[in-house]
Amino acid sequence: MFNHKHEQNVVWERDTKRLIITYRAARDIQAGEELCISYGSHLTFKDADAPDLPPPETEIEQLNQIQID
């Protein structure tokens, strides 16, 4: 686990083909120093590569169109 800090000392890179995330030190890290990454400006874990979801109104409209026999 990494804590959030905008002045991170660990960076990460996604490999979408192999479905892995690689973490590496952004600089020399002292023994006992906390490892920190930036969660982003909105502090979200949303998958940046995921397709955009339709707005909630559209989802409701789509569900209302389902006919159950």
PDB file of N, CA and C in Angstrom:
ATOM      1  N   MET A   1       0.847  -1.180   0.000  1.00  0.00           N
ATOM      2  CA  MET A   1       0.000   0.000   0.000  1.00  0.00           C
ATOM      3  C   MET A   1       0.889   1.239   0.000  1.00  0.00           C
ATOM      4  N   PHE A   2       0.421   2.238  -0.698  1.00  0.00           N
ATOM      5  CA  PHE A   2       1.112   3.515  -0.749  1.00  0.00           C
ATOM      6  C   PHE A   2       0.159   4.585  -0.236  1.00  0.00           C
ATOM      7  N   ASN A   3       0.684   5.545   0.469  1.00  0.00           N
ATOM      8  CA  ASN A   3      -0.121   6.686   0.882  1.00  0.00           C
ATOM      9  C   ASN A   3      -0.107   7.724  -0.223  1.00  0.00           C
ATOM     10  N   HIS A   4      -1.093   8.613  -0.191  1.00  0.00           N
ATOM     11  CA  HIS A   4      -1.209   9.667  -1.197  1.00  0.00           C
ATOM     12  C   HIS A   4      -0.400  10.890  -0.788  1.00  0.00           C
ATOM     13  N   LYS A   5       0.294  11.432  -1.751  1.00  0.00           N
ATOM     14  CA  LYS A   5       1.007  12.688  -1.556  1.00  0.00           C
ATOM     15  C   LYS A   5       1.318  13.220  -2.951  1.00  0.00           C
ATOM     16  N   HIS A   6       1.057  14.502  -3.182  1.00  0.00           N
ATOM     17  CA  HIS A   6       1.355  15.056  -4.497  1.00  0.00           C
ATOM     18  C   HIS A   6       2.858  15.077  -4.764  1.00  0.00           C
ATOM     19  N   GLU A   7       3.673  15.172  -3.707  1.00  0.00           N
ATOM     20  CA  GLU A   7       5.127  15.113  -3.851  1.00  0.00           C
ATOM     21  C   GLU A   7       5.542  13.647  -3.683  1.00  0.00           C
ATOM     22  N   GLN A   8       5.151  12.818  -4.638  1.00  0.00           N
ATOM     23  CA  GLN A   8       5.372  11.380  -4.531  1.00  0.00           C
ATOM     24  C   GLN A   8       6.839  11.002  -4.699  1.00  0.00           C
ATOM     25  N   ASN A   9       7.205   9.876  -4.107  1.00  0.00           N
ATOM     26  CA  ASN A   9       8.549   9.346  -4.300  1.00  0.00           C
ATOM     27  C   ASN A   9       8.504   8.006  -5.044  1.00  0.00           C
ATOM     28  N   VAL A  10       7.299   7.562  -5.391  1.00  0.00           N
ATOM     29  CA  VAL A  10       7.092   6.343  -6.176  1.00  0.00           C
ATOM     30  C   VAL A  10       6.196   6.705  -7.351  1.00  0.00           C
ATOM     31  N   VAL A  11       6.551   6.212  -8.529  1.00  0.00           N
ATOM     32  CA  VAL A  11       5.723   6.425  -9.717  1.00  0.00           C
ATOM     33  C   VAL A  11       5.275   5.060 -10.235  1.00  0.00           C
ATOM     34  N   TRP A  12       4.247   5.067 -11.066  1.00  0.00           N
ATOM     35  CA  TRP A  12       3.732   3.807 -11.588  1.00  0.00           C
ATOM     36  C   TRP A  12       3.453   3.910 -13.062  1.00  0.00           C
ATOM     37  N   GLU A  13       3.446   2.746 -13.711  1.00  0.00           N
ATOM     38  CA  GLU A  13       3.178   2.683 -15.140  1.00  0.00           C
ATOM     39  C   GLU A  13       2.295   1.469 -15.405  1.00  0.00           C
ATOM     40  N   ARG A  14       1.240   1.678 -16.196  1.00  0.00           N
ATOM     41  CA  ARG A  14       0.333   0.581 -16.551  1.00  0.00           C
ATOM     42  C   ARG A  14       0.777  -0.083 -17.831  1.00  0.00           C
ATOM     43  N   ASP A  15       0.713  -1.393 -17.850  1.00  0.00           N
ATOM     44  CA  ASP A  15       0.938  -2.173 -19.058  1.00  0.00           C
ATOM     45  C   ASP A  15      -0.401  -2.838 -19.362  1.00  0.00           C
ATOM     46  N   THR A  16      -1.181  -2.214 -20.255  1.00  0.00           N
ATOM     47  CA  THR A  16      -2.523  -2.713 -20.533  1.00  0.00           C
ATOM     48  C   THR A  16      -2.516  -4.011 -21.320  1.00  0.00           C
ATOM     49  N   LYS A  17      -1.434  -4.309 -22.010  1.00  0.00           N
ATOM     50  CA  LYS A  17      -1.365  -5.576 -22.751  1.00  0.00           C
ATOM     51  C   LYS A  17      -1.153  -6.747 -21.798  1.00  0.00           C
ATOM     52  N   ARG A  18      -0.287  -6.564 -20.793  1.00  0.00           N
ATOM     53  CA  ARG A  18      -0.015  -7.651 -19.840  1.00  0.00           C
ATOM     54  C   ARG A  18      -0.874  -7.544 -18.586  1.00  0.00           C
ATOM     55  N   LEU A  19      -1.678  -6.456 -18.493  1.00  0.00           N
ATOM     56  CA  LEU A  19      -2.570  -6.223 -17.352  1.00  0.00           C
ATOM     57  C   LEU A  19      -1.823  -6.174 -16.024  1.00  0.00           C
ATOM     58  N   ILE A  20      -0.735  -5.405 -16.017  1.00  0.00           N
ATOM     59  CA  ILE A  20       0.032  -5.226 -14.785  1.00  0.00           C
ATOM     60  C   ILE A  20       0.341  -3.749 -14.578  1.00  0.00           C
ATOM     61  N   ILE A  21       0.643  -3.416 -13.341  1.00  0.00           N
ATOM     62  CA  ILE A  21       1.113  -2.081 -12.994  1.00  0.00           C
ATOM     63  C   ILE A  21       2.489  -2.246 -12.378  1.00  0.00           C
ATOM     64  N   THR A  22       3.447  -1.464 -12.860  1.00  0.00           N
ATOM     65  CA  THR A  22       4.807  -1.514 -12.346  1.00  0.00           C
ATOM     66  C   THR A  22       5.071  -0.243 -11.542  1.00  0.00           C
ATOM     67  N   TYR A  23       5.548  -0.416 -10.310  1.00  0.00           N
ATOM     68  CA  TYR A  23       5.907   0.707  -9.452  1.00  0.00           C
ATOM     69  C   TYR A  23       7.425   0.793  -9.387  1.00  0.00           C
ATOM     70  N   ARG A  24       7.945   2.028  -9.353  1.00  0.00           N
ATOM     71  CA  ARG A  24       9.387   2.212  -9.196  1.00  0.00           C
ATOM     72  C   ARG A  24       9.644   3.498  -8.428  1.00  0.00           C
ATOM     73  N   ALA A  25      10.797   3.552  -7.811  1.00  0.00           N
ATOM     74  CA  ALA A  25      11.183   4.744  -7.058  1.00  0.00           C
ATOM     75  C   ALA A  25      11.426   5.900  -8.024  1.00  0.00           C
ATOM     76  N   ALA A  26      10.910   7.066  -7.692  1.00  0.00           N
ATOM     77  CA  ALA A  26      11.109   8.257  -8.510  1.00  0.00           C
ATOM     78  C   ALA A  26      12.433   8.932  -8.173  1.00  0.00           C
ATOM     79  N   ARG A  27      12.986   8.556  -7.016  1.00  0.00           N
ATOM     80  CA  ARG A  27      14.256   9.131  -6.544  1.00  0.00           C
ATOM     81  C   ARG A  27      14.801   8.189  -5.480  1.00  0.00           C
ATOM     82  N   ASP A  28      15.976   8.478  -4.974  1.00  0.00           N
ATOM     83  CA  ASP A  28      16.514   7.675  -3.872  1.00  0.00           C
ATOM     84  C   ASP A  28      15.599   7.819  -2.662  1.00  0.00           C
ATOM     85  N   ILE A  29      15.284   6.704  -2.023  1.00  0.00           N
ATOM     86  CA  ILE A  29      14.402   6.709  -0.860  1.00  0.00           C
ATOM     87  C   ILE A  29      15.197   6.253   0.351  1.00  0.00           C
ATOM     88  N   GLN A  30      15.137   7.053   1.411  1.00  0.00           N
ATOM     89  CA  GLN A  30      15.865   6.756   2.628  1.00  0.00           C
ATOM     90  C   GLN A  30      15.218   5.599   3.381  1.00  0.00           C
ATOM     91  N   ALA A  31      16.012   4.826   4.100  1.00  0.00           N
ATOM     92  CA  ALA A  31      15.492   3.739   4.928  1.00  0.00           C
ATOM     93  C   ALA A  31      14.472   4.307   5.911  1.00  0.00           C
ATOM     94  N   GLY A  32      13.321   3.678   6.005  1.00  0.00           N
ATOM     95  CA  GLY A  32      12.270   4.117   6.915  1.00  0.00           C
ATOM     96  C   GLY A  32      11.372   5.200   6.360  1.00  0.00           C
ATOM     97  N   GLU A  33      11.690   5.742   5.188  1.00  0.00           N
ATOM     98  CA  GLU A  33      10.860   6.789   4.585  1.00  0.00           C
ATOM     99  C   GLU A  33       9.579   6.176   4.042  1.00  0.00           C
ATOM    100  N   GLU A  34       8.461   6.863   4.231  1.00  0.00           N
ATOM    101  CA  GLU A  34       7.169   6.404   3.756  1.00  0.00           C
ATOM    102  C   GLU A  34       7.127   6.439   2.225  1.00  0.00           C
ATOM    103  N   LEU A  35       6.525   5.400   1.622  1.00  0.00           N
ATOM    104  CA  LEU A  35       6.356   5.362   0.177  1.00  0.00           C
ATOM    105  C   LEU A  35       5.040   6.034  -0.177  1.00  0.00           C
ATOM    106  N   CYS A  36       5.087   7.004  -1.105  1.00  0.00           N
ATOM    107  CA  CYS A  36       3.899   7.777  -1.455  1.00  0.00           C
ATOM    108  C   CYS A  36       3.754   7.869  -2.968  1.00  0.00           C
ATOM    109  N   ILE A  37       2.510   7.734  -3.423  1.00  0.00           N
ATOM    110  CA  ILE A  37       2.163   7.979  -4.821  1.00  0.00           C
ATOM    111  C   ILE A  37       1.074   9.038  -4.844  1.00  0.00           C
ATOM    112  N   SER A  38       0.879   9.632  -5.997  1.00  0.00           N
ATOM    113  CA  SER A  38      -0.221  10.576  -6.158  1.00  0.00           C
ATOM    114  C   SER A  38      -1.411   9.811  -6.706  1.00  0.00           C
ATOM    115  N   TYR A  39      -2.547   9.892  -6.016  1.00  0.00           N
ATOM    116  CA  TYR A  39      -3.760   9.238  -6.495  1.00  0.00           C
ATOM    117  C   TYR A  39      -4.382  10.036  -7.636  1.00  0.00           C
ATOM    118  N   GLY A  40      -3.868  11.214  -7.883  1.00  0.00           N
ATOM    119  CA  GLY A  40      -4.442  12.085  -8.902  1.00  0.00           C
ATOM    120  C   GLY A  40      -5.115  13.265  -8.240  1.00  0.00           C
ATOM    121  N   SER A  41      -5.478  14.237  -9.050  1.00  0.00           N
ATOM    122  CA  SER A  41      -6.034  15.466  -8.494  1.00  0.00           C
ATOM    123  C   SER A  41      -7.421  15.268  -7.895  1.00  0.00           C
ATOM    124  N   HIS A  42      -8.134  14.218  -8.312  1.00  0.00           N
ATOM    125  CA  HIS A  42      -9.483  13.999  -7.792  1.00  0.00           C
ATOM    126  C   HIS A  42      -9.541  12.857  -6.788  1.00  0.00           C
ATOM    127  N   LEU A  43      -8.408  12.303  -6.434  1.00  0.00           N
ATOM    128  CA  LEU A  43      -8.330  11.193  -5.483  1.00  0.00           C
ATOM    129  C   LEU A  43      -9.321  10.094  -5.839  1.00  0.00           C
ATOM    130  N   THR A  44      -9.205   9.610  -7.042  1.00  0.00           N
ATOM    131  CA  THR A  44     -10.117   8.573  -7.516  1.00  0.00           C
ATOM    132  C   THR A  44      -9.334   7.374  -8.027  1.00  0.00           C
ATOM    133  N   PHE A  45      -9.951   6.232  -7.970  1.00  0.00           N
ATOM    134  CA  PHE A  45      -9.331   5.032  -8.499  1.00  0.00           C
ATOM    135  C   PHE A  45     -10.008   4.602  -9.792  1.00  0.00           C
ATOM    136  N   LYS A  46     -10.715   5.531 -10.457  1.00  0.00           N
ATOM    137  CA  LYS A  46     -11.379   5.214 -11.715  1.00  0.00           C
ATOM    138  C   LYS A  46     -10.342   4.749 -12.725  1.00  0.00           C
ATOM    139  N   ASP A  47     -10.673   3.710 -13.449  1.00  0.00           N
ATOM    140  CA  ASP A  47      -9.785   3.172 -14.472  1.00  0.00           C
ATOM    141  C   ASP A  47      -9.767   4.139 -15.649  1.00  0.00           C
ATOM    142  N   ALA A  48      -8.640   4.775 -15.883  1.00  0.00           N
ATOM    143  CA  ALA A  48      -8.529   5.779 -16.941  1.00  0.00           C
ATOM    144  C   ALA A  48      -8.697   5.167 -18.326  1.00  0.00           C
ATOM    145  N   ASP A  49      -8.461   3.861 -18.462  1.00  0.00           N
ATOM    146  CA  ASP A  49      -8.574   3.206 -19.758  1.00  0.00           C
ATOM    147  C   ASP A  49      -9.936   2.562 -19.983  1.00  0.00           C
ATOM    148  N   ALA A  50     -10.797   2.620 -18.994  1.00  0.00           N
ATOM    149  CA  ALA A  50     -12.127   2.024 -19.138  1.00  0.00           C
ATOM    150  C   ALA A  50     -12.976   2.889 -20.062  1.00  0.00           C
ATOM    151  N   PRO A  51     -13.876   2.265 -20.815  1.00  0.00           N
ATOM    152  CA  PRO A  51     -14.747   3.078 -21.682  1.00  0.00           C
ATOM    153  C   PRO A  51     -15.642   3.977 -20.833  1.00  0.00           C
ATOM    154  N   ASP A  52     -15.956   5.134 -21.383  1.00  0.00           N
ATOM    155  CA  ASP A  52     -16.838   6.060 -20.667  1.00  0.00           C
ATOM    156  C   ASP A  52     -18.222   5.436 -20.534  1.00  0.00           C
ATOM    157  N   LEU A  53     -18.794   5.546 -19.356  1.00  0.00           N
ATOM    158  CA  LEU A  53     -20.128   5.038 -19.110  1.00  0.00           C
ATOM    159  C   LEU A  53     -21.155   6.084 -19.514  1.00  0.00           C
ATOM    160  N   PRO A  54     -22.318   5.634 -19.974  1.00  0.00           N
ATOM    161  CA  PRO A  54     -23.354   6.615 -20.315  1.00  0.00           C
ATOM    162  C   PRO A  54     -23.834   7.313 -19.049  1.00  0.00           C
ATOM    163  N   PRO A  55     -24.355   8.531 -19.184  1.00  0.00           N
ATOM    164  CA  PRO A  55     -24.883   9.224 -18.012  1.00  0.00           C
ATOM    165  C   PRO A  55     -26.019   8.412 -17.396  1.00  0.00           C
ATOM    166  N   PRO A  56     -26.259   8.551 -16.091  1.00  0.00           N
ATOM    167  CA  PRO A  56     -27.293   7.759 -15.416  1.00  0.00           C
ATOM    168  C   PRO A  56     -28.653   7.825 -16.093  1.00  0.00           C
ATOM    169  N   GLU A  57     -29.040   8.993 -16.637  1.00  0.00           N
ATOM    170  CA  GLU A  57     -30.344   9.105 -17.290  1.00  0.00           C
ATOM    171  C   GLU A  57     -30.431   8.133 -18.467  1.00  0.00           C
ATOM    172  N   THR A  58     -29.340   8.023 -19.215  1.00  0.00           N
ATOM    173  CA  THR A  58     -29.317   7.134 -20.368  1.00  0.00           C
ATOM    174  C   THR A  58     -29.433   5.682 -19.926  1.00  0.00           C
ATOM    175  N   GLU A  59     -28.767   5.325 -18.834  1.00  0.00           N
ATOM    176  CA  GLU A  59     -28.849   3.964 -18.321  1.00  0.00           C
ATOM    177  C   GLU A  59     -30.284   3.620 -17.945  1.00  0.00           C
ATOM    178  N   ILE A  60     -30.969   4.539 -17.287  1.00  0.00           N
ATOM    179  CA  ILE A  60     -32.359   4.314 -16.880  1.00  0.00           C
ATOM    180  C   ILE A  60     -33.230   4.136 -18.120  1.00  0.00           C
ATOM    181  N   GLU A  61     -33.011   4.990 -19.120  1.00  0.00           N
ATOM    182  CA  GLU A  61     -33.776   4.879 -20.360  1.00  0.00           C
ATOM    183  C   GLU A  61     -33.548   3.522 -21.012  1.00  0.00           C
ATOM    184  N   GLN A  62     -32.298   3.062 -21.018  1.00  0.00           N
ATOM    185  CA  GLN A  62     -31.990   1.763 -21.613  1.00  0.00           C
ATOM    186  C   GLN A  62     -32.668   0.645 -20.830  1.00  0.00           C
ATOM    187  N   LEU A  63     -32.649   0.717 -19.518  1.00  0.00           N
ATOM    188  CA  LEU A  63     -33.295  -0.309 -18.700  1.00  0.00           C
ATOM    189  C   LEU A  63     -34.803  -0.314 -18.916  1.00  0.00           C
ATOM    190  N   ASN A  64     -35.396   0.863 -19.069  1.00  0.00           N
ATOM    191  CA  ASN A  64     -36.833   0.950 -19.295  1.00  0.00           C
ATOM    192  C   ASN A  64     -37.250   0.332 -20.626  1.00  0.00           C
ATOM    193  N   GLN A  65     -36.314   0.225 -21.574  1.00  0.00           N
ATOM    194  CA  GLN A  65     -36.629  -0.341 -22.872  1.00  0.00           C
ATOM    195  C   GLN A  65     -36.570  -1.865 -22.887  1.00  0.00           C
ATOM    196  N   ILE A  66     -36.081  -2.474 -21.816  1.00  0.00           N
ATOM    197  CA  ILE A  66     -36.003  -3.935 -21.758  1.00  0.00           C
ATOM    198  C   ILE A  66     -37.399  -4.501 -21.577  1.00  0.00           C
ATOM    199  N   GLN A  67     -37.736  -5.410 -22.435  1.00  0.00           N
ATOM    200  CA  GLN A  67     -39.050  -6.050 -22.359  1.00  0.00           C
ATOM    201  C   GLN A  67     -38.873  -7.463 -21.805  1.00  0.00           C
ATOM    202  N   ILE A  68     -39.617  -7.756 -20.779  1.00  0.00           N
ATOM    203  CA  ILE A  68     -39.564  -9.085 -20.175  1.00  0.00           C
ATOM    204  C   ILE A  68     -40.803  -9.848 -20.623  1.00  0.00           C
ATOM    205  N   ASP A  69     -40.600 -10.990 -21.218  1.00  0.00           N
ATOM    206  CA  ASP A  69     -41.733 -11.796 -21.689  1.00  0.00           C
ATOM    207  C   ASP A  69     -42.225 -12.730 -20.613  1.00  0.00           C
TER     208      ASP A  69
END
